[in-house]
Amino acid sequence: MDLLLAILALLAGQILIGLLHCGVSYLYGKSKGASVYVFTCLFFRWERDNYNTEAPGKIRFSVTRLNQLFPTILMYSRTVSPEEIRKHQKTGMITYSILAALFLIGGIAVAMLLPTPTWSLILKYALGGGFLYFLNMAYFAGKAVRKATGLMAKVQEIREAMLKNDVSLLPNPAFAYEEYSKAALGDRLTYLTLFYRYAEIRNDLMAMAEAANAMTKLGTATLTESGHFHLDACLFSYYSFRQKDPALAQKYYMHSKKAIDWDSDCNGRRKLAYYAYYIQQDRELAGKYLEEGIRALSVEDPRMTRIERDLEERMLLYLKSQLDG
């Protein structure tokens, strides 16, 4: 019984402190002109849909597989400079470290001073949940401000290259096998999906095959809902067109069907259009997704670079030529 109470108190502490922190982050971000794009907690997700034709920017709600044990909020702003973001991350790292220490001290104090065993247990582990939450936030804030090393240095190189506007100027990096073998699961997934995207922009079929092959061998048991979606979206797209395999395309599509169907940007609609045309052989459905993808090209999305948008336009227009032919 005590073990169950401890686990529940630990979880409740993380969630309650996380909700409070997300609220403060929202108010701070809003004061800087930022908008909420995603808010998640446990099995629940709220996401801004700028691609909704009837109500652009409408927040939509969904129930998903487990995202993570504590709330997170993601905000974007075109007016905040990278220098300001980096400064905010440095301040956050220090602040989160101090808060983690205070919650740890509070938990120890409760364990020593509160005489009632049950309430001492509950409060101690609730404070422990707060400690774990801010320790996690301090870790990721510190990771963001530190100079990237290993596989994440390769990720940074690709991200910087993707800011170029001319495909002919893009470098042609080899797959980072050595760094990949030493990296954690989350970093591996980030690298694979970005490496695949970068190869797609350059139309490098060998590099796409390397990334897809590594994705199929990735252990996914501990991935979040978002992680599963990014992996499945890449693979169902790859097996729909680059290496046509109806069984594998359907497998990865069905595994994250709800999230893939809801992905309304030009990239998400393009992938569905190709799947409908080449795998389902449904020209009418492919045409529907194609039209939605072309409309989505005109929506401003700070998460997408110009060179990515150019890729999507080329891919959509290619499929249009197939449907019109």
C-alpha atoms as a PDB file:
ATOM      1  CA  MET A   1       0.000   0.000   0.000  1.00  0.00           C
ATOM      2  CA  ASP A   2       2.819   2.400   0.889  1.00  0.00           C
ATOM      3  CA  LEU A   3       4.513   1.659  -2.434  1.00  0.00           C
ATOM      4  CA  LEU A   4       1.330   2.486  -4.371  1.00  0.00           C
ATOM      5  CA  LEU A   5       0.874   5.743  -2.427  1.00  0.00           C
ATOM      6  CA  ALA A   6       4.495   6.673  -3.082  1.00  0.00           C
ATOM      7  CA  ILE A   7       4.159   6.076  -6.837  1.00  0.00           C
ATOM      8  CA  LEU A   8       0.890   8.025  -7.040  1.00  0.00           C
ATOM      9  CA  ALA A   9       2.329  10.910  -5.003  1.00  0.00           C
ATOM     10  CA  LEU A  10       5.452  10.999  -7.175  1.00  0.00           C
ATOM     11  CA  LEU A  11       3.347  11.117 -10.344  1.00  0.00           C
ATOM     12  CA  ALA A  12       0.956  13.707  -8.902  1.00  0.00           C
ATOM     13  CA  GLY A  13       3.889  15.904  -7.884  1.00  0.00           C
ATOM     14  CA  GLN A  14       5.333  15.831 -11.400  1.00  0.00           C
ATOM     15  CA  ILE A  15       1.984  16.598 -13.021  1.00  0.00           C
ATOM     16  CA  LEU A  16       0.923  19.393 -10.655  1.00  0.00           C
ATOM     17  CA  ILE A  17       4.302  21.134 -10.696  1.00  0.00           C
ATOM     18  CA  GLY A  18       4.470  20.614 -14.463  1.00  0.00           C
ATOM     19  CA  LEU A  19       1.053  22.207 -14.955  1.00  0.00           C
ATOM     20  CA  LEU A  20       2.088  25.187 -12.832  1.00  0.00           C
ATOM     21  CA  HIS A  21       5.316  25.559 -14.809  1.00  0.00           C
ATOM     22  CA  CYS A  22       3.477  25.304 -18.147  1.00  0.00           C
ATOM     23  CA  GLY A  23       1.103  28.037 -16.977  1.00  0.00           C
ATOM     24  CA  VAL A  24       4.008  30.336 -16.104  1.00  0.00           C
ATOM     25  CA  SER A  25       5.732  29.494 -19.410  1.00  0.00           C
ATOM     26  CA  TYR A  26       2.548  30.296 -21.301  1.00  0.00           C
ATOM     27  CA  LEU A  27       2.193  33.724 -19.662  1.00  0.00           C
ATOM     28  CA  TYR A  28       5.864  34.500 -20.253  1.00  0.00           C
ATOM     29  CA  GLY A  29       5.755  33.314 -23.865  1.00  0.00           C
ATOM     30  CA  LYS A  30       2.600  35.256 -24.564  1.00  0.00           C
ATOM     31  CA  SER A  31       4.234  38.436 -23.226  1.00  0.00           C
ATOM     32  CA  LYS A  32       7.004  37.861 -25.815  1.00  0.00           C
ATOM     33  CA  GLY A  33       4.537  37.416 -28.666  1.00  0.00           C
ATOM     34  CA  ALA A  34       4.770  33.617 -28.819  1.00  0.00           C
ATOM     35  CA  SER A  35       1.869  31.295 -29.612  1.00  0.00           C
ATOM     36  CA  VAL A  36       1.145  27.845 -28.204  1.00  0.00           C
ATOM     37  CA  TYR A  37       1.587  25.085 -30.753  1.00  0.00           C
ATOM     38  CA  VAL A  38       1.427  21.955 -28.621  1.00  0.00           C
ATOM     39  CA  PHE A  39       0.523  21.092 -25.030  1.00  0.00           C
ATOM     40  CA  THR A  40       0.717  17.464 -23.904  1.00  0.00           C
ATOM     41  CA  CYS A  41       0.276  15.517 -20.695  1.00  0.00           C
ATOM     42  CA  LEU A  42      -0.008  11.753 -20.222  1.00  0.00           C
ATOM     43  CA  PHE A  43      -2.472  10.531 -22.899  1.00  0.00           C
ATOM     44  CA  PHE A  44      -3.795  13.987 -23.846  1.00  0.00           C
ATOM     45  CA  ARG A  45      -2.674  16.431 -26.525  1.00  0.00           C
ATOM     46  CA  TRP A  46      -3.820  19.928 -27.493  1.00  0.00           C
ATOM     47  CA  GLU A  47      -2.389  21.226 -30.770  1.00  0.00           C
ATOM     48  CA  ARG A  48      -2.825  24.455 -32.744  1.00  0.00           C
ATOM     49  CA  ASP A  49      -4.093  23.724 -36.247  1.00  0.00           C
ATOM     50  CA  ASN A  50      -3.046  26.560 -38.541  1.00  0.00           C
ATOM     51  CA  TYR A  51      -4.127  24.440 -41.499  1.00  0.00           C
ATOM     52  CA  ASN A  52      -7.797  24.347 -40.541  1.00  0.00           C
ATOM     53  CA  THR A  53      -9.480  26.059 -43.516  1.00  0.00           C
ATOM     54  CA  GLU A  54     -12.621  26.981 -41.560  1.00  0.00           C
ATOM     55  CA  ALA A  55     -10.932  28.168 -38.357  1.00  0.00           C
ATOM     56  CA  PRO A  56      -7.161  28.709 -38.807  1.00  0.00           C
ATOM     57  CA  GLY A  57      -5.296  28.434 -35.514  1.00  0.00           C
ATOM     58  CA  LYS A  58      -8.024  26.438 -33.800  1.00  0.00           C
ATOM     59  CA  ILE A  59      -6.804  24.274 -30.903  1.00  0.00           C
ATOM     60  CA  ARG A  60      -7.722  20.633 -31.407  1.00  0.00           C
ATOM     61  CA  PHE A  61      -7.759  17.948 -28.725  1.00  0.00           C
ATOM     62  CA  SER A  62      -6.868  14.279 -29.037  1.00  0.00           C
ATOM     63  CA  VAL A  63      -6.330  11.228 -26.857  1.00  0.00           C
ATOM     64  CA  THR A  64      -3.101   9.428 -27.761  1.00  0.00           C
ATOM     65  CA  ARG A  65      -0.713   6.760 -26.643  1.00  0.00           C
ATOM     66  CA  LEU A  66       1.334   7.801 -23.610  1.00  0.00           C
ATOM     67  CA  ASN A  67       3.260  10.988 -24.382  1.00  0.00           C
ATOM     68  CA  GLN A  68       5.177  11.372 -21.135  1.00  0.00           C
ATOM     69  CA  LEU A  69       4.571  11.498 -17.415  1.00  0.00           C
ATOM     70  CA  PHE A  70       4.531  15.271 -17.003  1.00  0.00           C
ATOM     71  CA  PRO A  71       3.059  18.213 -18.949  1.00  0.00           C
ATOM     72  CA  THR A  72       5.021  20.005 -21.674  1.00  0.00           C
ATOM     73  CA  ILE A  73       4.226  23.115 -23.653  1.00  0.00           C
ATOM     74  CA  LEU A  74       5.772  24.150 -26.977  1.00  0.00           C
ATOM     75  CA  MET A  75       5.546  27.769 -28.154  1.00  0.00           C
ATOM     76  CA  TYR A  76       6.847  29.566 -31.245  1.00  0.00           C
ATOM     77  CA  SER A  77       7.526  33.195 -32.031  1.00  0.00           C
ATOM     78  CA  ARG A  78       8.946  34.920 -35.101  1.00  0.00           C
ATOM     79  CA  THR A  79       9.887  38.020 -33.091  1.00  0.00           C
ATOM     80  CA  VAL A  80      12.199  36.362 -30.554  1.00  0.00           C
ATOM     81  CA  SER A  81      15.800  36.117 -31.757  1.00  0.00           C
ATOM     82  CA  PRO A  82      17.985  32.986 -31.366  1.00  0.00           C
ATOM     83  CA  GLU A  83      20.168  34.978 -28.945  1.00  0.00           C
ATOM     84  CA  GLU A  84      17.154  35.679 -26.714  1.00  0.00           C
ATOM     85  CA  ILE A  85      16.158  32.015 -26.810  1.00  0.00           C
ATOM     86  CA  ARG A  86      19.669  30.930 -25.828  1.00  0.00           C
ATOM     87  CA  LYS A  87      19.742  33.464 -22.992  1.00  0.00           C
ATOM     88  CA  HIS A  88      16.363  32.216 -21.785  1.00  0.00           C
ATOM     89  CA  GLN A  89      17.638  28.624 -21.864  1.00  0.00           C
ATOM     90  CA  LYS A  90      20.707  29.534 -19.792  1.00  0.00           C
ATOM     91  CA  THR A  91      18.540  31.314 -17.237  1.00  0.00           C
ATOM     92  CA  GLY A  92      16.188  28.350 -17.230  1.00  0.00           C
ATOM     93  CA  MET A  93      18.985  25.877 -16.571  1.00  0.00           C
ATOM     94  CA  ILE A  94      20.074  27.821 -13.477  1.00  0.00           C
ATOM     95  CA  THR A  95      16.508  28.409 -12.263  1.00  0.00           C
ATOM     96  CA  TYR A  96      15.461  24.780 -12.741  1.00  0.00           C
ATOM     97  CA  SER A  97      18.573  23.546 -10.915  1.00  0.00           C
ATOM     98  CA  ILE A  98      17.790  25.796  -7.941  1.00  0.00           C
ATOM     99  CA  LEU A  99      14.143  24.694  -7.887  1.00  0.00           C
ATOM    100  CA  ALA A 100      15.158  21.027  -8.083  1.00  0.00           C
ATOM    101  CA  ALA A 101      17.462  21.549  -5.078  1.00  0.00           C
ATOM    102  CA  LEU A 102      14.685  23.292  -3.111  1.00  0.00           C
ATOM    103  CA  PHE A 103      12.225  20.458  -3.751  1.00  0.00           C
ATOM    104  CA  LEU A 104      14.842  17.902  -2.725  1.00  0.00           C
ATOM    105  CA  ILE A 105      15.540  19.780   0.505  1.00  0.00           C
ATOM    106  CA  GLY A 106      11.794  20.109   1.105  1.00  0.00           C
ATOM    107  CA  GLY A 107      11.295  16.362   0.693  1.00  0.00           C
ATOM    108  CA  ILE A 108      14.109  15.583   3.117  1.00  0.00           C
ATOM    109  CA  ALA A 109      12.739  18.077   5.632  1.00  0.00           C
ATOM    110  CA  VAL A 110       9.254  16.557   5.450  1.00  0.00           C
ATOM    111  CA  ALA A 111      10.636  13.048   5.940  1.00  0.00           C
ATOM    112  CA  MET A 112      12.500  14.196   9.063  1.00  0.00           C
ATOM    113  CA  LEU A 113       9.983  16.556  10.644  1.00  0.00           C
ATOM    114  CA  LEU A 114       6.427  15.413   9.771  1.00  0.00           C
ATOM    115  CA  PRO A 115       5.336  12.908  12.397  1.00  0.00           C
ATOM    116  CA  THR A 116       2.295  11.395  10.597  1.00  0.00           C
ATOM    117  CA  PRO A 117       3.650   8.434   8.561  1.00  0.00           C
ATOM    118  CA  THR A 118       1.045   8.425   5.754  1.00  0.00           C
ATOM    119  CA  TRP A 119       1.014  12.181   5.122  1.00  0.00           C
ATOM    120  CA  SER A 120       4.771  12.280   5.447  1.00  0.00           C
ATOM    121  CA  LEU A 121       5.021   9.611   2.745  1.00  0.00           C
ATOM    122  CA  ILE A 122       2.593  11.371   0.406  1.00  0.00           C
ATOM    123  CA  LEU A 123       4.100  14.843   0.788  1.00  0.00           C
ATOM    124  CA  LYS A 124       7.680  13.546   0.633  1.00  0.00           C
ATOM    125  CA  TYR A 125       7.100  11.786  -2.677  1.00  0.00           C
ATOM    126  CA  ALA A 126       4.999  14.631  -4.081  1.00  0.00           C
ATOM    127  CA  LEU A 127       7.955  16.938  -3.444  1.00  0.00           C
ATOM    128  CA  GLY A 128      10.142  14.237  -4.952  1.00  0.00           C
ATOM    129  CA  GLY A 129       8.016  14.454  -8.095  1.00  0.00           C
ATOM    130  CA  GLY A 130       8.703  18.182  -8.229  1.00  0.00           C
ATOM    131  CA  PHE A 131      12.413  17.472  -7.794  1.00  0.00           C
ATOM    132  CA  LEU A 132      12.416  14.998 -10.701  1.00  0.00           C
ATOM    133  CA  TYR A 133      10.460  17.401 -12.888  1.00  0.00           C
ATOM    134  CA  PHE A 134      12.843  20.337 -12.423  1.00  0.00           C
ATOM    135  CA  LEU A 135      15.892  18.066 -12.603  1.00  0.00           C
ATOM    136  CA  ASN A 136      14.646  16.891 -15.997  1.00  0.00           C
ATOM    137  CA  MET A 137      13.972  20.478 -17.130  1.00  0.00           C
ATOM    138  CA  ALA A 138      17.454  21.558 -15.985  1.00  0.00           C
ATOM    139  CA  TYR A 139      19.012  18.678 -17.913  1.00  0.00           C
ATOM    140  CA  PHE A 140      17.295  19.543 -21.186  1.00  0.00           C
ATOM    141  CA  ALA A 141      17.878  23.285 -20.773  1.00  0.00           C
ATOM    142  CA  GLY A 142      21.550  22.562 -20.162  1.00  0.00           C
ATOM    143  CA  LYS A 143      21.664  20.250 -23.151  1.00  0.00           C
ATOM    144  CA  ALA A 144      20.224  23.026 -25.329  1.00  0.00           C
ATOM    145  CA  VAL A 145      22.853  25.612 -24.330  1.00  0.00           C
ATOM    146  CA  ARG A 146      25.885  23.344 -24.318  1.00  0.00           C
ATOM    147  CA  LYS A 147      27.875  22.950 -27.496  1.00  0.00           C
ATOM    148  CA  ALA A 148      26.487  19.912 -29.266  1.00  0.00           C
ATOM    149  CA  THR A 149      28.723  16.835 -29.282  1.00  0.00           C
ATOM    150  CA  GLY A 150      28.534  13.354 -30.762  1.00  0.00           C
ATOM    151  CA  LEU A 151      25.418  12.616 -32.769  1.00  0.00           C
ATOM    152  CA  MET A 152      23.723  15.884 -31.795  1.00  0.00           C
ATOM    153  CA  ALA A 153      26.619  17.799 -33.370  1.00  0.00           C
ATOM    154  CA  LYS A 154      25.732  16.021 -36.627  1.00  0.00           C
ATOM    155  CA  VAL A 155      22.101  17.019 -36.109  1.00  0.00           C
ATOM    156  CA  GLN A 156      23.143  20.643 -35.646  1.00  0.00           C
ATOM    157  CA  GLU A 157      25.200  20.554 -38.838  1.00  0.00           C
ATOM    158  CA  ILE A 158      22.235  19.289 -40.841  1.00  0.00           C
ATOM    159  CA  ARG A 159      19.880  21.869 -39.322  1.00  0.00           C
ATOM    160  CA  GLU A 160      22.262  24.678 -40.224  1.00  0.00           C
ATOM    161  CA  ALA A 161      22.614  23.336 -43.771  1.00  0.00           C
ATOM    162  CA  MET A 162      18.829  23.257 -44.165  1.00  0.00           C
ATOM    163  CA  LEU A 163      18.701  27.025 -43.655  1.00  0.00           C
ATOM    164  CA  LYS A 164      20.373  27.455 -47.054  1.00  0.00           C
ATOM    165  CA  ASN A 165      18.043  28.316 -49.913  1.00  0.00           C
ATOM    166  CA  ASP A 166      19.907  26.593 -52.733  1.00  0.00           C
ATOM    167  CA  VAL A 167      19.877  22.783 -52.931  1.00  0.00           C
ATOM    168  CA  SER A 168      23.065  22.816 -55.021  1.00  0.00           C
ATOM    169  CA  LEU A 169      24.928  24.389 -52.068  1.00  0.00           C
ATOM    170  CA  LEU A 170      24.012  21.643 -49.610  1.00  0.00           C
ATOM    171  CA  PRO A 171      26.834  19.414 -48.303  1.00  0.00           C
ATOM    172  CA  ASN A 172      26.526  15.657 -48.652  1.00  0.00           C
ATOM    173  CA  PRO A 173      27.242  14.172 -45.184  1.00  0.00           C
ATOM    174  CA  ALA A 174      27.850  10.460 -44.730  1.00  0.00           C
ATOM    175  CA  PHE A 175      25.741   8.572 -42.193  1.00  0.00           C
ATOM    176  CA  ALA A 176      27.351   9.072 -38.765  1.00  0.00           C
ATOM    177  CA  TYR A 177      27.638   5.395 -37.814  1.00  0.00           C
ATOM    178  CA  GLU A 178      30.201   5.871 -35.045  1.00  0.00           C
ATOM    179  CA  GLU A 179      28.287   8.662 -33.265  1.00  0.00           C
ATOM    180  CA  TYR A 180      24.976   6.868 -33.874  1.00  0.00           C
ATOM    181  CA  SER A 181      26.173   3.684 -32.166  1.00  0.00           C
ATOM    182  CA  LYS A 182      26.933   5.606 -28.950  1.00  0.00           C
ATOM    183  CA  ALA A 183      23.790   7.775 -28.836  1.00  0.00           C
ATOM    184  CA  ALA A 184      20.633   7.450 -26.747  1.00  0.00           C
ATOM    185  CA  LEU A 185      17.312   6.453 -28.329  1.00  0.00           C
ATOM    186  CA  GLY A 186      15.872   9.980 -28.452  1.00  0.00           C
ATOM    187  CA  ASP A 187      18.978  11.382 -30.133  1.00  0.00           C
ATOM    188  CA  ARG A 188      19.016   8.486 -32.604  1.00  0.00           C
ATOM    189  CA  LEU A 189      15.426   9.149 -33.612  1.00  0.00           C
ATOM    190  CA  THR A 190      16.068  12.883 -34.005  1.00  0.00           C
ATOM    191  CA  TYR A 191      19.082  12.169 -36.190  1.00  0.00           C
ATOM    192  CA  LEU A 192      17.361   9.526 -38.336  1.00  0.00           C
ATOM    193  CA  THR A 193      14.274  11.582 -39.133  1.00  0.00           C
ATOM    194  CA  LEU A 194      16.353  14.680 -39.867  1.00  0.00           C
ATOM    195  CA  PHE A 195      18.931  12.766 -41.926  1.00  0.00           C
ATOM    196  CA  TYR A 196      16.081  11.233 -43.935  1.00  0.00           C
ATOM    197  CA  ARG A 197      14.453  14.633 -44.462  1.00  0.00           C
ATOM    198  CA  TYR A 198      17.751  16.146 -45.549  1.00  0.00           C
ATOM    199  CA  ALA A 199      18.355  13.258 -47.975  1.00  0.00           C
ATOM    200  CA  GLU A 200      14.850  13.775 -49.347  1.00  0.00           C
ATOM    201  CA  ILE A 201      15.601  17.428 -50.056  1.00  0.00           C
ATOM    202  CA  ARG A 202      18.742  16.415 -51.960  1.00  0.00           C
ATOM    203  CA  ASN A 203      16.936  13.473 -53.626  1.00  0.00           C
ATOM    204  CA  ASP A 204      19.673  11.177 -52.306  1.00  0.00           C
ATOM    205  CA  LEU A 205      18.073   7.733 -52.606  1.00  0.00           C
ATOM    206  CA  MET A 206      21.016   5.899 -51.016  1.00  0.00           C
ATOM    207  CA  ALA A 207      20.960   8.120 -47.935  1.00  0.00           C
ATOM    208  CA  MET A 208      17.182   7.718 -47.623  1.00  0.00           C
ATOM    209  CA  ALA A 209      17.598   3.944 -47.761  1.00  0.00           C
ATOM    210  CA  GLU A 210      20.308   4.076 -45.056  1.00  0.00           C
ATOM    211  CA  ALA A 211      18.057   6.098 -42.747  1.00  0.00           C
ATOM    212  CA  ALA A 212      14.977   3.942 -43.407  1.00  0.00           C
ATOM    213  CA  ASN A 213      16.956   0.742 -42.785  1.00  0.00           C
ATOM    214  CA  ALA A 214      18.213   2.113 -39.443  1.00  0.00           C
ATOM    215  CA  MET A 215      14.678   3.175 -38.485  1.00  0.00           C
ATOM    216  CA  THR A 216      13.322  -0.349 -38.974  1.00  0.00           C
ATOM    217  CA  LYS A 217      15.958  -1.656 -36.549  1.00  0.00           C
ATOM    218  CA  LEU A 218      15.346   0.977 -33.886  1.00  0.00           C
ATOM    219  CA  GLY A 219      14.004  -0.264 -30.551  1.00  0.00           C
ATOM    220  CA  THR A 220      10.742   1.670 -30.120  1.00  0.00           C
ATOM    221  CA  ALA A 221       9.208   0.281 -26.906  1.00  0.00           C
ATOM    222  CA  THR A 222       9.960   3.430 -24.891  1.00  0.00           C
ATOM    223  CA  LEU A 223       9.157   6.001 -27.586  1.00  0.00           C
ATOM    224  CA  THR A 224       6.526   8.635 -26.841  1.00  0.00           C
ATOM    225  CA  GLU A 225       3.461   9.139 -29.029  1.00  0.00           C
ATOM    226  CA  SER A 226       5.297  11.895 -30.874  1.00  0.00           C
ATOM    227  CA  GLY A 227       8.316   9.635 -31.388  1.00  0.00           C
ATOM    228  CA  HIS A 228       6.189   6.848 -32.863  1.00  0.00           C
ATOM    229  CA  PHE A 229       4.493   9.335 -35.180  1.00  0.00           C
ATOM    230  CA  HIS A 230       7.731  10.787 -36.576  1.00  0.00           C
ATOM    231  CA  LEU A 231       9.169   7.332 -37.149  1.00  0.00           C
ATOM    232  CA  ASP A 232       6.037   5.865 -38.717  1.00  0.00           C
ATOM    233  CA  ALA A 233       5.430   8.932 -40.890  1.00  0.00           C
ATOM    234  CA  CYS A 234       8.899   8.600 -42.422  1.00  0.00           C
ATOM    235  CA  LEU A 235       8.627   4.860 -43.006  1.00  0.00           C
ATOM    236  CA  PHE A 236       5.105   4.753 -44.412  1.00  0.00           C
ATOM    237  CA  SER A 237       6.131   7.509 -46.820  1.00  0.00           C
ATOM    238  CA  TYR A 238       9.358   5.731 -47.778  1.00  0.00           C
ATOM    239  CA  TYR A 239       7.592   2.432 -48.520  1.00  0.00           C
ATOM    240  CA  SER A 240       4.813   4.224 -50.394  1.00  0.00           C
ATOM    241  CA  PHE A 241       7.074   5.754 -53.028  1.00  0.00           C
ATOM    242  CA  ARG A 242      10.842   5.427 -52.654  1.00  0.00           C
ATOM    243  CA  GLN A 243      10.845   1.661 -52.160  1.00  0.00           C
ATOM    244  CA  LYS A 244       7.286   0.570 -52.862  1.00  0.00           C
ATOM    245  CA  ASP A 245       6.195  -2.124 -50.428  1.00  0.00           C
ATOM    246  CA  PRO A 246       2.422  -2.074 -49.780  1.00  0.00           C
ATOM    247  CA  ALA A 247       2.629  -4.346 -46.730  1.00  0.00           C
ATOM    248  CA  LEU A 248       5.248  -2.237 -44.962  1.00  0.00           C
ATOM    249  CA  ALA A 249       3.643   1.057 -46.006  1.00  0.00           C
ATOM    250  CA  GLN A 250       0.336  -0.088 -44.520  1.00  0.00           C
ATOM    251  CA  LYS A 251       2.037  -1.438 -41.376  1.00  0.00           C
ATOM    252  CA  TYR A 252       3.660   1.867 -40.477  1.00  0.00           C
ATOM    253  CA  TYR A 253       0.635   3.905 -41.560  1.00  0.00           C
ATOM    254  CA  MET A 254      -1.742   1.911 -39.389  1.00  0.00           C
ATOM    255  CA  HIS A 255       0.589   2.070 -36.378  1.00  0.00           C
ATOM    256  CA  SER A 256       0.198   5.874 -36.190  1.00  0.00           C
ATOM    257  CA  LYS A 257      -2.914   6.271 -38.351  1.00  0.00           C
ATOM    258  CA  LYS A 258      -4.667   8.842 -36.202  1.00  0.00           C
ATOM    259  CA  ALA A 259      -1.654  11.152 -35.920  1.00  0.00           C
ATOM    260  CA  ILE A 260      -0.762  10.740 -39.617  1.00  0.00           C
ATOM    261  CA  ASP A 261      -4.331  11.487 -40.727  1.00  0.00           C
ATOM    262  CA  TRP A 262      -4.335  14.613 -38.561  1.00  0.00           C
ATOM    263  CA  ASP A 263      -1.042  15.913 -39.949  1.00  0.00           C
ATOM    264  CA  SER A 264      -2.427  18.742 -42.069  1.00  0.00           C
ATOM    265  CA  ASP A 265       0.685  20.584 -43.237  1.00  0.00           C
ATOM    266  CA  CYS A 266       1.923  20.279 -46.810  1.00  0.00           C
ATOM    267  CA  ASN A 267       4.349  17.505 -45.840  1.00  0.00           C
ATOM    268  CA  GLY A 268       1.687  15.450 -44.074  1.00  0.00           C
ATOM    269  CA  ARG A 269      -0.854  15.829 -46.894  1.00  0.00           C
ATOM    270  CA  ARG A 270       1.785  15.014 -49.519  1.00  0.00           C
ATOM    271  CA  LYS A 271       2.678  11.748 -47.792  1.00  0.00           C
ATOM    272  CA  LEU A 272      -0.982  10.732 -47.605  1.00  0.00           C
ATOM    273  CA  ALA A 273      -1.510  11.673 -51.259  1.00  0.00           C
ATOM    274  CA  TYR A 274       1.385   9.443 -52.338  1.00  0.00           C
ATOM    275  CA  TYR A 275       0.136   6.612 -50.125  1.00  0.00           C
ATOM    276  CA  ALA A 276      -3.356   6.894 -51.579  1.00  0.00           C
ATOM    277  CA  TYR A 277      -2.062   6.980 -55.165  1.00  0.00           C
ATOM    278  CA  TYR A 278       0.711   4.364 -55.115  1.00  0.00           C
ATOM    279  CA  ILE A 279      -0.420   1.969 -52.368  1.00  0.00           C
ATOM    280  CA  GLN A 280      -4.202   2.278 -52.158  1.00  0.00           C
ATOM    281  CA  GLN A 281      -4.484   3.089 -55.876  1.00  0.00           C
ATOM    282  CA  ASP A 282      -7.271   5.531 -55.061  1.00  0.00           C
ATOM    283  CA  ARG A 283      -6.948   8.442 -57.482  1.00  0.00           C
ATOM    284  CA  GLU A 284      -9.884  10.339 -55.998  1.00  0.00           C
ATOM    285  CA  LEU A 285      -8.513  10.204 -52.461  1.00  0.00           C
ATOM    286  CA  ALA A 286      -5.032  11.075 -53.712  1.00  0.00           C
ATOM    287  CA  GLY A 287      -6.498  14.101 -55.488  1.00  0.00           C
ATOM    288  CA  LYS A 288      -8.230  15.213 -52.289  1.00  0.00           C
ATOM    289  CA  TYR A 289      -5.015  15.044 -50.258  1.00  0.00           C
ATOM    290  CA  LEU A 290      -3.115  16.703 -53.094  1.00  0.00           C
ATOM    291  CA  GLU A 291      -5.451  19.711 -53.135  1.00  0.00           C
ATOM    292  CA  GLU A 292      -5.170  20.040 -49.352  1.00  0.00           C
ATOM    293  CA  GLY A 293      -1.387  19.859 -49.595  1.00  0.00           C
ATOM    294  CA  ILE A 294      -1.208  22.553 -52.258  1.00  0.00           C
ATOM    295  CA  ARG A 295      -3.470  24.814 -50.162  1.00  0.00           C
ATOM    296  CA  ALA A 296      -1.251  24.183 -47.131  1.00  0.00           C
ATOM    297  CA  LEU A 297       1.787  25.537 -49.009  1.00  0.00           C
ATOM    298  CA  SER A 298       0.441  29.053 -48.504  1.00  0.00           C
ATOM    299  CA  VAL A 299       0.208  28.729 -44.709  1.00  0.00           C
ATOM    300  CA  GLU A 300       3.071  30.317 -42.760  1.00  0.00           C
ATOM    301  CA  ASP A 301       4.614  27.766 -40.434  1.00  0.00           C
ATOM    302  CA  PRO A 302       7.750  28.731 -38.437  1.00  0.00           C
ATOM    303  CA  ARG A 303       8.637  25.058 -38.049  1.00  0.00           C
ATOM    304  CA  MET A 304       9.279  24.621 -41.783  1.00  0.00           C
ATOM    305  CA  THR A 305      12.283  26.051 -43.643  1.00  0.00           C
ATOM    306  CA  ARG A 306      12.031  27.507 -47.123  1.00  0.00           C
ATOM    307  CA  ILE A 307      14.021  24.647 -48.618  1.00  0.00           C
ATOM    308  CA  GLU A 308      11.592  22.134 -47.079  1.00  0.00           C
ATOM    309  CA  ARG A 309       8.618  24.018 -48.497  1.00  0.00           C
ATOM    310  CA  ASP A 310      10.263  23.991 -51.927  1.00  0.00           C
ATOM    311  CA  LEU A 311      10.625  20.206 -51.674  1.00  0.00           C
ATOM    312  CA  GLU A 312       6.965  19.785 -50.794  1.00  0.00           C
ATOM    313  CA  GLU A 313       5.904  21.971 -53.702  1.00  0.00           C
ATOM    314  CA  ARG A 314       7.995  19.903 -56.139  1.00  0.00           C
ATOM    315  CA  MET A 315       6.637  16.627 -54.754  1.00  0.00           C
ATOM    316  CA  LEU A 316       3.038  17.814 -54.852  1.00  0.00           C
ATOM    317  CA  LEU A 317       3.348  19.134 -58.390  1.00  0.00           C
ATOM    318  CA  TYR A 318       4.951  15.863 -59.520  1.00  0.00           C
ATOM    319  CA  LEU A 319       1.979  13.890 -58.208  1.00  0.00           C
ATOM    320  CA  LYS A 320      -0.373  16.381 -59.805  1.00  0.00           C
ATOM    321  CA  SER A 321       1.285  15.684 -63.167  1.00  0.00           C
ATOM    322  CA  GLN A 322       0.669  11.956 -62.593  1.00  0.00           C
ATOM    323  CA  LEU A 323      -2.997  12.522 -61.786  1.00  0.00           C
ATOM    324  CA  ASP A 324      -3.493  14.892 -64.712  1.00  0.00           C
ATOM    325  CA  GLY A 325      -1.669  12.625 -67.168  1.00  0.00           C
END
